[in-house]
């Protein structure tokens, strides 16, 4: 099941119109309609808003799991999905900066582990 179908199904279960849900999410009704018809993909921030609103996992909306239950702790798969999505939005210069930041974080983690 595609994300559009899942969003539509969740909205219908709560007996919300597209207009009502769009207002609650802070998006236009037209944008929501495009998402529900799989004509446009929501960006990650919007996808997260939708998941939070319905209290489901982003992976459920993406069709990566059939378990809609939300969890406060994001799964490794979900975090990987987020990282890939964010990575694709970066230009080459920012990707290099991101890699440098990761190297700094790794170095800090090593230093903290060596203190113990």
PDB file of N, CA and C in Angstrom:
ATOM      1  N   UNK A   1       0.842  -1.177   0.000  1.00  0.00           N
ATOM      2  CA  UNK A   1       0.000   0.000   0.000  1.00  0.00           C
ATOM      3  C   UNK A   1       0.893   1.247   0.000  1.00  0.00           C
ATOM      4  N   UNK A   2       0.641   2.164  -0.899  1.00  0.00           N
ATOM      5  CA  UNK A   2       1.440   3.383  -1.024  1.00  0.00           C
ATOM      6  C   UNK A   2       1.076   4.381   0.068  1.00  0.00           C
ATOM      7  N   UNK A   3       1.988   5.334   0.314  1.00  0.00           N
ATOM      8  CA  UNK A   3       1.785   6.307   1.395  1.00  0.00           C
ATOM      9  C   UNK A   3       0.489   7.094   1.204  1.00  0.00           C
ATOM     10  N   UNK A   4       0.130   7.429  -0.022  1.00  0.00           N
ATOM     11  CA  UNK A   4      -1.095   8.197  -0.267  1.00  0.00           C
ATOM     12  C   UNK A   4      -2.328   7.461   0.203  1.00  0.00           C
ATOM     13  N   UNK A   5      -2.360   6.178  -0.101  1.00  0.00           N
ATOM     14  CA  UNK A   5      -3.491   5.349   0.307  1.00  0.00           C
ATOM     15  C   UNK A   5      -3.554   5.250   1.829  1.00  0.00           C
ATOM     16  N   UNK A   6      -2.398   5.136   2.462  1.00  0.00           N
ATOM     17  CA  UNK A   6      -2.371   5.048   3.928  1.00  0.00           C
ATOM     18  C   UNK A   6      -2.836   6.350   4.576  1.00  0.00           C
ATOM     19  N   UNK A   7      -2.372   7.475   4.035  1.00  0.00           N
ATOM     20  CA  UNK A   7      -2.785   8.771   4.585  1.00  0.00           C
ATOM     21  C   UNK A   7      -4.297   8.928   4.440  1.00  0.00           C
ATOM     22  N   UNK A   8      -4.810   8.610   3.274  1.00  0.00           N
ATOM     23  CA  UNK A   8      -6.247   8.716   3.017  1.00  0.00           C
ATOM     24  C   UNK A   8      -7.040   7.817   3.967  1.00  0.00           C
ATOM     25  N   UNK A   9      -6.565   6.599   4.136  1.00  0.00           N
ATOM     26  CA  UNK A   9      -7.243   5.641   5.015  1.00  0.00           C
ATOM     27  C   UNK A   9      -7.255   6.138   6.467  1.00  0.00           C
ATOM     28  N   UNK A  10      -6.118   6.635   6.944  1.00  0.00           N
ATOM     29  CA  UNK A  10      -6.046   7.145   8.313  1.00  0.00           C
ATOM     30  C   UNK A  10      -6.959   8.363   8.495  1.00  0.00           C
ATOM     31  N   UNK A  11      -6.971   9.238   7.516  1.00  0.00           N
ATOM     32  CA  UNK A  11      -7.831  10.426   7.582  1.00  0.00           C
ATOM     33  C   UNK A  11      -9.297  10.020   7.621  1.00  0.00           C
ATOM     34  N   UNK A  12      -9.669   9.065   6.779  1.00  0.00           N
ATOM     35  CA  UNK A  12     -11.047   8.599   6.707  1.00  0.00           C
ATOM     36  C   UNK A  12     -11.488   7.943   8.015  1.00  0.00           C
ATOM     37  N   UNK A  13     -10.590   7.171   8.625  1.00  0.00           N
ATOM     38  CA  UNK A  13     -10.916   6.536   9.913  1.00  0.00           C
ATOM     39  C   UNK A  13     -11.293   7.557  10.976  1.00  0.00           C
ATOM     40  N   UNK A  14     -10.633   8.719  10.934  1.00  0.00           N
ATOM     41  CA  UNK A  14     -10.926   9.772  11.901  1.00  0.00           C
ATOM     42  C   UNK A  14     -12.061  10.684  11.446  1.00  0.00           C
ATOM     43  N   UNK A  15     -12.636  10.354  10.287  1.00  0.00           N
ATOM     44  CA  UNK A  15     -13.750  11.119   9.724  1.00  0.00           C
ATOM     45  C   UNK A  15     -13.396  12.591   9.533  1.00  0.00           C
ATOM     46  N   UNK A  16     -12.184  12.809   9.033  1.00  0.00           N
ATOM     47  CA  UNK A  16     -11.723  14.164   8.744  1.00  0.00           C
ATOM     48  C   UNK A  16     -11.809  14.416   7.252  1.00  0.00           C
ATOM     49  N   UNK A  17     -12.149  15.626   6.872  1.00  0.00           N
ATOM     50  CA  UNK A  17     -12.078  16.004   5.463  1.00  0.00           C
ATOM     51  C   UNK A  17     -10.628  16.346   5.143  1.00  0.00           C
ATOM     52  N   UNK A  18     -10.318  16.419   3.867  1.00  0.00           N
ATOM     53  CA  UNK A  18      -8.966  16.828   3.479  1.00  0.00           C
ATOM     54  C   UNK A  18      -8.677  18.230   4.004  1.00  0.00           C
ATOM     55  N   UNK A  19      -9.659  19.092   3.934  1.00  0.00           N
ATOM     56  CA  UNK A  19      -9.475  20.461   4.409  1.00  0.00           C
ATOM     57  C   UNK A  19      -9.161  20.494   5.906  1.00  0.00           C
ATOM     58  N   UNK A  20      -9.888  19.709   6.691  1.00  0.00           N
ATOM     59  CA  UNK A  20      -9.659  19.679   8.145  1.00  0.00           C
ATOM     60  C   UNK A  20      -8.254  19.166   8.466  1.00  0.00           C
ATOM     61  N   UNK A  21      -7.868  18.066   7.822  1.00  0.00           N
ATOM     62  CA  UNK A  21      -6.544  17.510   8.087  1.00  0.00           C
ATOM     63  C   UNK A  21      -5.450  18.461   7.626  1.00  0.00           C
ATOM     64  N   UNK A  22      -5.617  19.043   6.465  1.00  0.00           N
ATOM     65  CA  UNK A  22      -4.616  19.978   5.942  1.00  0.00           C
ATOM     66  C   UNK A  22      -4.401  21.136   6.920  1.00  0.00           C
ATOM     67  N   UNK A  23      -5.483  21.679   7.454  1.00  0.00           N
ATOM     68  CA  UNK A  23      -5.375  22.778   8.421  1.00  0.00           C
ATOM     69  C   UNK A  23      -4.622  22.334   9.667  1.00  0.00           C
ATOM     70  N   UNK A  24      -4.910  21.149  10.150  1.00  0.00           N
ATOM     71  CA  UNK A  24      -4.240  20.639  11.353  1.00  0.00           C
ATOM     72  C   UNK A  24      -2.750  20.386  11.120  1.00  0.00           C
ATOM     73  N   UNK A  25      -2.405  20.041   9.880  1.00  0.00           N
ATOM     74  CA  UNK A  25      -1.006  19.771   9.541  1.00  0.00           C
ATOM     75  C   UNK A  25      -0.254  21.024   9.110  1.00  0.00           C
ATOM     76  N   UNK A  26      -1.011  22.097   8.827  1.00  0.00           N
ATOM     77  CA  UNK A  26      -0.371  23.324   8.370  1.00  0.00           C
ATOM     78  C   UNK A  26       0.064  23.274   6.909  1.00  0.00           C
ATOM     79  N   UNK A  27      -0.704  22.530   6.104  1.00  0.00           N
ATOM     80  CA  UNK A  27      -0.427  22.440   4.672  1.00  0.00           C
ATOM     81  C   UNK A  27      -1.700  22.787   3.913  1.00  0.00           C
ATOM     82  N   UNK A  28      -1.599  22.931   2.605  1.00  0.00           N
ATOM     83  CA  UNK A  28      -2.793  23.228   1.821  1.00  0.00           C
ATOM     84  C   UNK A  28      -3.579  21.947   1.542  1.00  0.00           C
ATOM     85  N   UNK A  29      -4.874  22.128   1.288  1.00  0.00           N
ATOM     86  CA  UNK A  29      -5.707  20.982   0.940  1.00  0.00           C
ATOM     87  C   UNK A  29      -5.232  20.378  -0.378  1.00  0.00           C
ATOM     88  N   UNK A  30      -4.792  21.251  -1.289  1.00  0.00           N
ATOM     89  CA  UNK A  30      -4.298  20.762  -2.589  1.00  0.00           C
ATOM     90  C   UNK A  30      -3.073  19.874  -2.406  1.00  0.00           C
ATOM     91  N   UNK A  31      -2.158  20.291  -1.512  1.00  0.00           N
ATOM     92  CA  UNK A  31      -0.962  19.476  -1.260  1.00  0.00           C
ATOM     93  C   UNK A  31      -1.361  18.118  -0.702  1.00  0.00           C
ATOM     94  N   UNK A  32      -2.279  18.120   0.262  1.00  0.00           N
ATOM     95  CA  UNK A  32      -2.739  16.852   0.846  1.00  0.00           C
ATOM     96  C   UNK A  32      -3.372  15.966  -0.218  1.00  0.00           C
ATOM     97  N   UNK A  33      -4.169  16.561  -1.073  1.00  0.00           N
ATOM     98  CA  UNK A  33      -4.796  15.794  -2.151  1.00  0.00           C
ATOM     99  C   UNK A  33      -3.735  15.154  -3.046  1.00  0.00           C
ATOM    100  N   UNK A  34      -2.692  15.914  -3.387  1.00  0.00           N
ATOM    101  CA  UNK A  34      -1.601  15.369  -4.203  1.00  0.00           C
ATOM    102  C   UNK A  34      -0.915  14.199  -3.489  1.00  0.00           C
ATOM    103  N   UNK A  35      -0.717  14.319  -2.174  1.00  0.00           N
ATOM    104  CA  UNK A  35      -0.080  13.235  -1.418  1.00  0.00           C
ATOM    105  C   UNK A  35      -0.968  11.991  -1.448  1.00  0.00           C
ATOM    106  N   UNK A  36      -2.265  12.191  -1.194  1.00  0.00           N
ATOM    107  CA  UNK A  36      -3.185  11.053  -1.143  1.00  0.00           C
ATOM    108  C   UNK A  36      -3.323  10.354  -2.499  1.00  0.00           C
ATOM    109  N   UNK A  37      -3.145  11.092  -3.572  1.00  0.00           N
ATOM    110  CA  UNK A  37      -3.252  10.504  -4.918  1.00  0.00           C
ATOM    111  C   UNK A  37      -1.891  10.057  -5.455  1.00  0.00           C
ATOM    112  N   UNK A  38      -0.844  10.148  -4.605  1.00  0.00           N
ATOM    113  CA  UNK A  38       0.519   9.760  -4.994  1.00  0.00           C
ATOM    114  C   UNK A  38       1.031  10.554  -6.201  1.00  0.00           C
ATOM    115  N   UNK A  39       0.543  11.788  -6.329  1.00  0.00           N
ATOM    116  CA  UNK A  39       1.041  12.648  -7.405  1.00  0.00           C
ATOM    117  C   UNK A  39       2.254  13.448  -6.956  1.00  0.00           C
ATOM    118  N   UNK A  40       2.393  13.599  -5.640  1.00  0.00           N
ATOM    119  CA  UNK A  40       3.536  14.303  -5.058  1.00  0.00           C
ATOM    120  C   UNK A  40       3.936  13.603  -3.772  1.00  0.00           C
ATOM    121  N   UNK A  41       5.232  13.647  -3.474  1.00  0.00           N
ATOM    122  CA  UNK A  41       5.727  13.069  -2.222  1.00  0.00           C
ATOM    123  C   UNK A  41       5.878  14.169  -1.192  1.00  0.00           C
ATOM    124  N   UNK A  42       5.392  13.930   0.030  1.00  0.00           N
ATOM    125  CA  UNK A  42       5.622  14.922   1.078  1.00  0.00           C
ATOM    126  C   UNK A  42       7.102  14.935   1.450  1.00  0.00           C
ATOM    127  N   UNK A  43       7.629  16.115   1.821  1.00  0.00           N
ATOM    128  CA  UNK A  43       9.007  16.147   2.301  1.00  0.00           C
ATOM    129  C   UNK A  43       9.037  15.458   3.663  1.00  0.00           C
ATOM    130  N   UNK A  44      10.245  15.227   4.174  1.00  0.00           N
ATOM    131  CA  UNK A  44      10.329  14.462   5.411  1.00  0.00           C
ATOM    132  C   UNK A  44       9.633  15.161   6.574  1.00  0.00           C
ATOM    133  N   UNK A  45       9.770  16.468   6.680  1.00  0.00           N
ATOM    134  CA  UNK A  45       9.145  17.189   7.793  1.00  0.00           C
ATOM    135  C   UNK A  45       7.627  17.003   7.766  1.00  0.00           C
ATOM    136  N   UNK A  46       7.042  17.063   6.579  1.00  0.00           N
ATOM    137  CA  UNK A  46       5.593  16.878   6.448  1.00  0.00           C
ATOM    138  C   UNK A  46       5.211  15.437   6.739  1.00  0.00           C
ATOM    139  N   UNK A  47       6.008  14.508   6.242  1.00  0.00           N
ATOM    140  CA  UNK A  47       5.757  13.094   6.507  1.00  0.00           C
ATOM    141  C   UNK A  47       5.778  12.831   8.010  1.00  0.00           C
ATOM    142  N   UNK A  48       6.722  13.441   8.709  1.00  0.00           N
ATOM    143  CA  UNK A  48       6.816  13.274  10.164  1.00  0.00           C
ATOM    144  C   UNK A  48       5.603  13.905  10.854  1.00  0.00           C
ATOM    145  N   UNK A  49       5.151  15.062  10.380  1.00  0.00           N
ATOM    146  CA  UNK A  49       3.951  15.694  10.950  1.00  0.00           C
ATOM    147  C   UNK A  49       2.748  14.775  10.810  1.00  0.00           C
ATOM    148  N   UNK A  50       2.617  14.171   9.631  1.00  0.00           N
ATOM    149  CA  UNK A  50       1.498  13.269   9.371  1.00  0.00           C
ATOM    150  C   UNK A  50       1.573  12.061  10.300  1.00  0.00           C
ATOM    151  N   UNK A  51       2.765  11.480  10.409  1.00  0.00           N
ATOM    152  CA  UNK A  51       2.951  10.313  11.281  1.00  0.00           C
ATOM    153  C   UNK A  51       2.651  10.692  12.733  1.00  0.00           C
ATOM    154  N   UNK A  52       3.139  11.843  13.177  1.00  0.00           N
ATOM    155  CA  UNK A  52       2.886  12.286  14.550  1.00  0.00           C
ATOM    156  C   UNK A  52       1.398  12.519  14.782  1.00  0.00           C
ATOM    157  N   UNK A  53       0.739  13.139  13.820  1.00  0.00           N
ATOM    158  CA  UNK A  53      -0.690  13.418  13.966  1.00  0.00           C
ATOM    159  C   UNK A  53      -1.480  12.125  14.148  1.00  0.00           C
ATOM    160  N   UNK A  54      -1.179  11.126  13.319  1.00  0.00           N
ATOM    161  CA  UNK A  54      -1.915   9.868  13.381  1.00  0.00           C
ATOM    162  C   UNK A  54      -1.314   8.875  14.377  1.00  0.00           C
ATOM    163  N   UNK A  55      -0.209   9.264  14.995  1.00  0.00           N
ATOM    164  CA  UNK A  55       0.487   8.415  15.962  1.00  0.00           C
ATOM    165  C   UNK A  55       0.873   7.066  15.347  1.00  0.00           C
ATOM    166  N   UNK A  56       1.488   7.155  14.178  1.00  0.00           N
ATOM    167  CA  UNK A  56       1.996   5.964  13.487  1.00  0.00           C
ATOM    168  C   UNK A  56       3.463   6.200  13.149  1.00  0.00           C
ATOM    169  N   UNK A  57       4.138   5.150  12.751  1.00  0.00           N
ATOM    170  CA  UNK A  57       5.524   5.251  12.324  1.00  0.00           C
ATOM    171  C   UNK A  57       5.603   5.795  10.901  1.00  0.00           C
ATOM    172  N   UNK A  58       6.653   6.533  10.618  1.00  0.00           N
ATOM    173  CA  UNK A  58       6.897   6.981   9.244  1.00  0.00           C
ATOM    174  C   UNK A  58       7.009   5.756   8.336  1.00  0.00           C
ATOM    175  N   UNK A  59       7.660   4.703   8.821  1.00  0.00           N
ATOM    176  CA  UNK A  59       7.795   3.481   8.025  1.00  0.00           C
ATOM    177  C   UNK A  59       6.435   2.898   7.647  1.00  0.00           C
ATOM    178  N   UNK A  60       5.439   3.061   8.503  1.00  0.00           N
ATOM    179  CA  UNK A  60       4.091   2.595   8.178  1.00  0.00           C
ATOM    180  C   UNK A  60       3.543   3.397   6.995  1.00  0.00           C
ATOM    181  N   UNK A  61       3.708   4.722   7.049  1.00  0.00           N
ATOM    182  CA  UNK A  61       3.229   5.558   5.946  1.00  0.00           C
ATOM    183  C   UNK A  61       3.937   5.214   4.641  1.00  0.00           C
ATOM    184  N   UNK A  62       5.227   4.885   4.734  1.00  0.00           N
ATOM    185  CA  UNK A  62       6.009   4.559   3.539  1.00  0.00           C
ATOM    186  C   UNK A  62       5.764   3.146   3.029  1.00  0.00           C
ATOM    187  N   UNK A  63       5.008   2.350   3.789  1.00  0.00           N
ATOM    188  CA  UNK A  63       4.720   0.986   3.371  1.00  0.00           C
ATOM    189  C   UNK A  63       5.821   0.006   3.692  1.00  0.00           C
ATOM    190  N   UNK A  64       6.764   0.433   4.545  1.00  0.00           N
ATOM    191  CA  UNK A  64       7.876  -0.455   4.908  1.00  0.00           C
ATOM    192  C   UNK A  64       7.495  -1.414   6.022  1.00  0.00           C
ATOM    193  N   UNK A  65       6.391  -1.145   6.692  1.00  0.00           N
ATOM    194  CA  UNK A  65       5.874  -2.037   7.718  1.00  0.00           C
ATOM    195  C   UNK A  65       4.359  -1.940   7.706  1.00  0.00           C
ATOM    196  N   UNK A  66       3.714  -3.014   8.116  1.00  0.00           N
ATOM    197  CA  UNK A  66       2.259  -2.990   8.228  1.00  0.00           C
ATOM    198  C   UNK A  66       1.832  -2.723   9.664  1.00  0.00           C
ATOM    199  N   UNK A  67       2.805  -2.500  10.538  1.00  0.00           N
ATOM    200  CA  UNK A  67       2.522  -2.203  11.939  1.00  0.00           C
ATOM    201  C   UNK A  67       2.481  -0.689  12.117  1.00  0.00           C
ATOM    202  N   UNK A  68       1.282  -0.132  12.318  1.00  0.00           N
ATOM    203  CA  UNK A  68       1.193   1.320  12.437  1.00  0.00           C
ATOM    204  C   UNK A  68       1.617   1.867  13.792  1.00  0.00           C
ATOM    205  N   UNK A  69       1.792   0.992  14.777  1.00  0.00           N
ATOM    206  CA  UNK A  69       2.037   1.469  16.134  1.00  0.00           C
ATOM    207  C   UNK A  69       3.252   2.379  16.199  1.00  0.00           C
ATOM    208  N   UNK A  70       3.048   3.483  16.869  1.00  0.00           N
ATOM    209  CA  UNK A  70       4.112   4.472  17.015  1.00  0.00           C
ATOM    210  C   UNK A  70       4.965   4.096  18.195  1.00  0.00           C
ATOM    211  N   UNK A  71       6.215   4.464  18.102  1.00  0.00           N
ATOM    212  CA  UNK A  71       7.129   4.218  19.192  1.00  0.00           C
ATOM    213  C   UNK A  71       7.943   5.472  19.394  1.00  0.00           C
ATOM    214  N   UNK A  72       8.244   5.806  20.628  1.00  0.00           N
ATOM    215  CA  UNK A  72       9.042   6.997  20.909  1.00  0.00           C
ATOM    216  C   UNK A  72      10.455   6.840  20.390  1.00  0.00           C
ATOM    217  N   UNK A  73      10.940   5.614  20.354  1.00  0.00           N
ATOM    218  CA  UNK A  73      12.294   5.350  19.886  1.00  0.00           C
ATOM    219  C   UNK A  73      12.229   4.953  18.417  1.00  0.00           C
ATOM    220  N   UNK A  74      12.923   5.709  17.594  1.00  0.00           N
ATOM    221  CA  UNK A  74      12.906   5.408  16.175  1.00  0.00           C
ATOM    222  C   UNK A  74      13.780   4.189  15.895  1.00  0.00           C
ATOM    223  N   UNK A  75      13.284   3.343  15.018  1.00  0.00           N
ATOM    224  CA  UNK A  75      14.034   2.156  14.654  1.00  0.00           C
ATOM    225  C   UNK A  75      15.232   2.543  13.803  1.00  0.00           C
ATOM    226  N   UNK A  76      16.184   1.650  13.751  1.00  0.00           N
ATOM    227  CA  UNK A  76      17.366   1.864  12.929  1.00  0.00           C
ATOM    228  C   UNK A  76      16.969   2.029  11.463  1.00  0.00           C
ATOM    229  N   UNK A  77      16.016   1.219  11.005  1.00  0.00           N
ATOM    230  CA  UNK A  77      15.555   1.321   9.616  1.00  0.00           C
ATOM    231  C   UNK A  77      14.930   2.682   9.350  1.00  0.00           C
ATOM    232  N   UNK A  78      14.148   3.184  10.300  1.00  0.00           N
ATOM    233  CA  UNK A  78      13.495   4.472  10.121  1.00  0.00           C
ATOM    234  C   UNK A  78      14.532   5.595  10.079  1.00  0.00           C
ATOM    235  N   UNK A  79      15.523   5.514  10.953  1.00  0.00           N
ATOM    236  CA  UNK A  79      16.575   6.530  10.953  1.00  0.00           C
ATOM    237  C   UNK A  79      17.372   6.491   9.653  1.00  0.00           C
ATOM    238  N   UNK A  80      17.609   5.296   9.137  1.00  0.00           N
ATOM    239  CA  UNK A  80      18.308   5.161   7.858  1.00  0.00           C
ATOM    240  C   UNK A  80      17.488   5.797   6.737  1.00  0.00           C
ATOM    241  N   UNK A  81      16.186   5.572   6.750  1.00  0.00           N
ATOM    242  CA  UNK A  81      15.300   6.180   5.759  1.00  0.00           C
ATOM    243  C   UNK A  81      15.391   7.698   5.823  1.00  0.00           C
ATOM    244  N   UNK A  82      15.364   8.229   7.029  1.00  0.00           N
ATOM    245  CA  UNK A  82      15.446   9.676   7.223  1.00  0.00           C
ATOM    246  C   UNK A  82      16.769  10.194   6.673  1.00  0.00           C
ATOM    247  N   UNK A  83      17.855   9.515   7.028  1.00  0.00           N
ATOM    248  CA  UNK A  83      19.169   9.971   6.585  1.00  0.00           C
ATOM    249  C   UNK A  83      19.288   9.954   5.063  1.00  0.00           C
ATOM    250  N   UNK A  84      18.808   8.898   4.418  1.00  0.00           N
ATOM    251  CA  UNK A  84      18.868   8.841   2.951  1.00  0.00           C
ATOM    252  C   UNK A  84      18.045   9.963   2.327  1.00  0.00           C
ATOM    253  N   UNK A  85      16.859  10.195   2.882  1.00  0.00           N
ATOM    254  CA  UNK A  85      15.995  11.243   2.353  1.00  0.00           C
ATOM    255  C   UNK A  85      16.666  12.606   2.487  1.00  0.00           C
ATOM    256  N   UNK A  86      17.224  12.879   3.655  1.00  0.00           N
ATOM    257  CA  UNK A  86      17.910  14.155   3.881  1.00  0.00           C
ATOM    258  C   UNK A  86      19.142  14.270   2.982  1.00  0.00           C
ATOM    259  N   UNK A  87      19.905  13.184   2.858  1.00  0.00           N
ATOM    260  CA  UNK A  87      21.132  13.170   2.048  1.00  0.00           C
ATOM    261  C   UNK A  87      20.817  13.543   0.601  1.00  0.00           C
ATOM    262  N   UNK A  88      19.739  12.986   0.072  1.00  0.00           N
ATOM    263  CA  UNK A  88      19.359  13.252  -1.318  1.00  0.00           C
ATOM    264  C   UNK A  88      19.036  14.717  -1.564  1.00  0.00           C
ATOM    265  N   UNK A  89      18.666  15.436  -0.518  1.00  0.00           N
ATOM    266  CA  UNK A  89      18.304  16.842  -0.665  1.00  0.00           C
ATOM    267  C   UNK A  89      19.515  17.778  -0.618  1.00  0.00           C
ATOM    268  N   UNK A  90      20.682  17.242  -0.269  1.00  0.00           N
ATOM    269  CA  UNK A  90      21.879  18.075  -0.142  1.00  0.00           C
ATOM    270  C   UNK A  90      22.650  18.170  -1.451  1.00  0.00           C
ATOM    271  N   UNK A  91      23.253  19.339  -1.677  1.00  0.00           N
ATOM    272  CA  UNK A  91      24.153  19.462  -2.810  1.00  0.00           C
ATOM    273  C   UNK A  91      25.520  18.895  -2.399  1.00  0.00           C
ATOM    274  N   UNK A  92      26.437  18.797  -3.347  1.00  0.00           N
ATOM    275  CA  UNK A  92      27.735  18.151  -3.100  1.00  0.00           C
ATOM    276  C   UNK A  92      28.519  18.829  -1.970  1.00  0.00           C
ATOM    277  N   UNK A  93      28.500  20.147  -1.928  1.00  0.00           N
ATOM    278  CA  UNK A  93      29.241  20.886  -0.894  1.00  0.00           C
ATOM    279  C   UNK A  93      28.697  20.558   0.496  1.00  0.00           C
ATOM    280  N   UNK A  94      27.397  20.523   0.618  1.00  0.00           N
ATOM    281  CA  UNK A  94      26.798  20.230   1.923  1.00  0.00           C
ATOM    282  C   UNK A  94      26.984  18.758   2.320  1.00  0.00           C
ATOM    283  N   UNK A  95      27.038  17.877   1.333  1.00  0.00           N
ATOM    284  CA  UNK A  95      27.321  16.474   1.639  1.00  0.00           C
ATOM    285  C   UNK A  95      28.718  16.330   2.237  1.00  0.00           C
ATOM    286  N   UNK A  96      29.681  17.060   1.677  1.00  0.00           N
ATOM    287  CA  UNK A  96      31.043  17.030   2.229  1.00  0.00           C
ATOM    288  C   UNK A  96      31.058  17.584   3.649  1.00  0.00           C
ATOM    289  N   UNK A  97      30.299  18.652   3.884  1.00  0.00           N
ATOM    290  CA  UNK A  97      30.211  19.217   5.229  1.00  0.00           C
ATOM    291  C   UNK A  97      29.584  18.207   6.198  1.00  0.00           C
ATOM    292  N   UNK A  98      28.546  17.511   5.743  1.00  0.00           N
ATOM    293  CA  UNK A  98      27.883  16.520   6.584  1.00  0.00           C
ATOM    294  C   UNK A  98      28.848  15.397   6.966  1.00  0.00           C
ATOM    295  N   UNK A  99      29.655  14.963   6.006  1.00  0.00           N
ATOM    296  CA  UNK A  99      30.632  13.912   6.293  1.00  0.00           C
ATOM    297  C   UNK A  99      31.672  14.389   7.314  1.00  0.00           C
ATOM    298  N   UNK A 100      32.079  15.646   7.204  1.00  0.00           N
ATOM    299  CA  UNK A 100      33.026  16.198   8.180  1.00  0.00           C
ATOM    300  C   UNK A 100      32.403  16.229   9.577  1.00  0.00           C
ATOM    301  N   UNK A 101      31.132  16.616   9.654  1.00  0.00           N
ATOM    302  CA  UNK A 101      30.441  16.626  10.948  1.00  0.00           C
ATOM    303  C   UNK A 101      30.358  15.224  11.552  1.00  0.00           C
ATOM    304  N   UNK A 102      30.092  14.244  10.709  1.00  0.00           N
ATOM    305  CA  UNK A 102      30.030  12.855  11.191  1.00  0.00           C
ATOM    306  C   UNK A 102      31.391  12.421  11.725  1.00  0.00           C
ATOM    307  N   UNK A 103      32.449  12.798  11.016  1.00  0.00           N
ATOM    308  CA  UNK A 103      33.800  12.462  11.480  1.00  0.00           C
ATOM    309  C   UNK A 103      34.091  13.113  12.834  1.00  0.00           C
ATOM    310  N   UNK A 104      33.660  14.348  13.018  1.00  0.00           N
ATOM    311  CA  UNK A 104      33.848  15.036  14.304  1.00  0.00           C
ATOM    312  C   UNK A 104      33.081  14.311  15.402  1.00  0.00           C
ATOM    313  N   UNK A 105      31.842  13.911  15.119  1.00  0.00           N
ATOM    314  CA  UNK A 105      31.043  13.192  16.105  1.00  0.00           C
ATOM    315  C   UNK A 105      31.668  11.847  16.467  1.00  0.00           C
ATOM    316  N   UNK A 106      32.203  11.163  15.461  1.00  0.00           N
ATOM    317  CA  UNK A 106      32.885   9.883  15.719  1.00  0.00           C
ATOM    318  C   UNK A 106      34.097  10.095  16.620  1.00  0.00           C
ATOM    319  N   UNK A 107      34.851  11.136  16.330  1.00  0.00           N
ATOM    320  CA  UNK A 107      36.047  11.442  17.117  1.00  0.00           C
ATOM    321  C   UNK A 107      35.663  11.761  18.566  1.00  0.00           C
ATOM    322  N   UNK A 108      34.609  12.558  18.757  1.00  0.00           N
ATOM    323  CA  UNK A 108      34.147  12.885  20.106  1.00  0.00           C
ATOM    324  C   UNK A 108      33.700  11.626  20.846  1.00  0.00           C
ATOM    325  N   UNK A 109      33.016  10.743  20.150  1.00  0.00           N
ATOM    326  CA  UNK A 109      32.539   9.499  20.767  1.00  0.00           C
ATOM    327  C   UNK A 109      33.742   8.635  21.185  1.00  0.00           C
ATOM    328  N   UNK A 110      34.754   8.560  20.321  1.00  0.00           N
ATOM    329  CA  UNK A 110      35.971   7.797  20.654  1.00  0.00           C
ATOM    330  C   UNK A 110      36.637   8.365  21.889  1.00  0.00           C
ATOM    331  N   UNK A 111      36.724   9.689  21.940  1.00  0.00           N
ATOM    332  CA  UNK A 111      37.372  10.350  23.091  1.00  0.00           C
ATOM    333  C   UNK A 111      36.587  10.075  24.365  1.00  0.00           C
ATOM    334  N   UNK A 112      35.262  10.122  24.301  1.00  0.00           N
ATOM    335  CA  UNK A 112      34.436   9.834  25.476  1.00  0.00           C
ATOM    336  C   UNK A 112      34.589   8.385  25.923  1.00  0.00           C
ATOM    337  N   UNK A 113      34.674   7.475  24.971  1.00  0.00           N
ATOM    338  CA  UNK A 113      34.829   6.064  25.305  1.00  0.00           C
ATOM    339  C   UNK A 113      36.194   5.783  25.921  1.00  0.00           C
ATOM    340  N   UNK A 114      37.198   6.520  25.486  1.00  0.00           N
ATOM    341  CA  UNK A 114      38.541   6.310  26.025  1.00  0.00           C
ATOM    342  C   UNK A 114      38.707   6.868  27.443  1.00  0.00           C
ATOM    343  N   UNK A 115      37.817   7.797  27.837  1.00  0.00           N
ATOM    344  CA  UNK A 115      37.842   8.353  29.197  1.00  0.00           C
ATOM    345  C   UNK A 115      37.390   7.307  30.218  1.00  0.00           C
ATOM    346  N   UNK A 116      36.505   6.425  29.804  1.00  0.00           N
ATOM    347  CA  UNK A 116      35.937   5.430  30.720  1.00  0.00           C
ATOM    348  C   UNK A 116      36.881   4.338  30.988  1.00  0.00           C
TER     349      UNK A 116
END
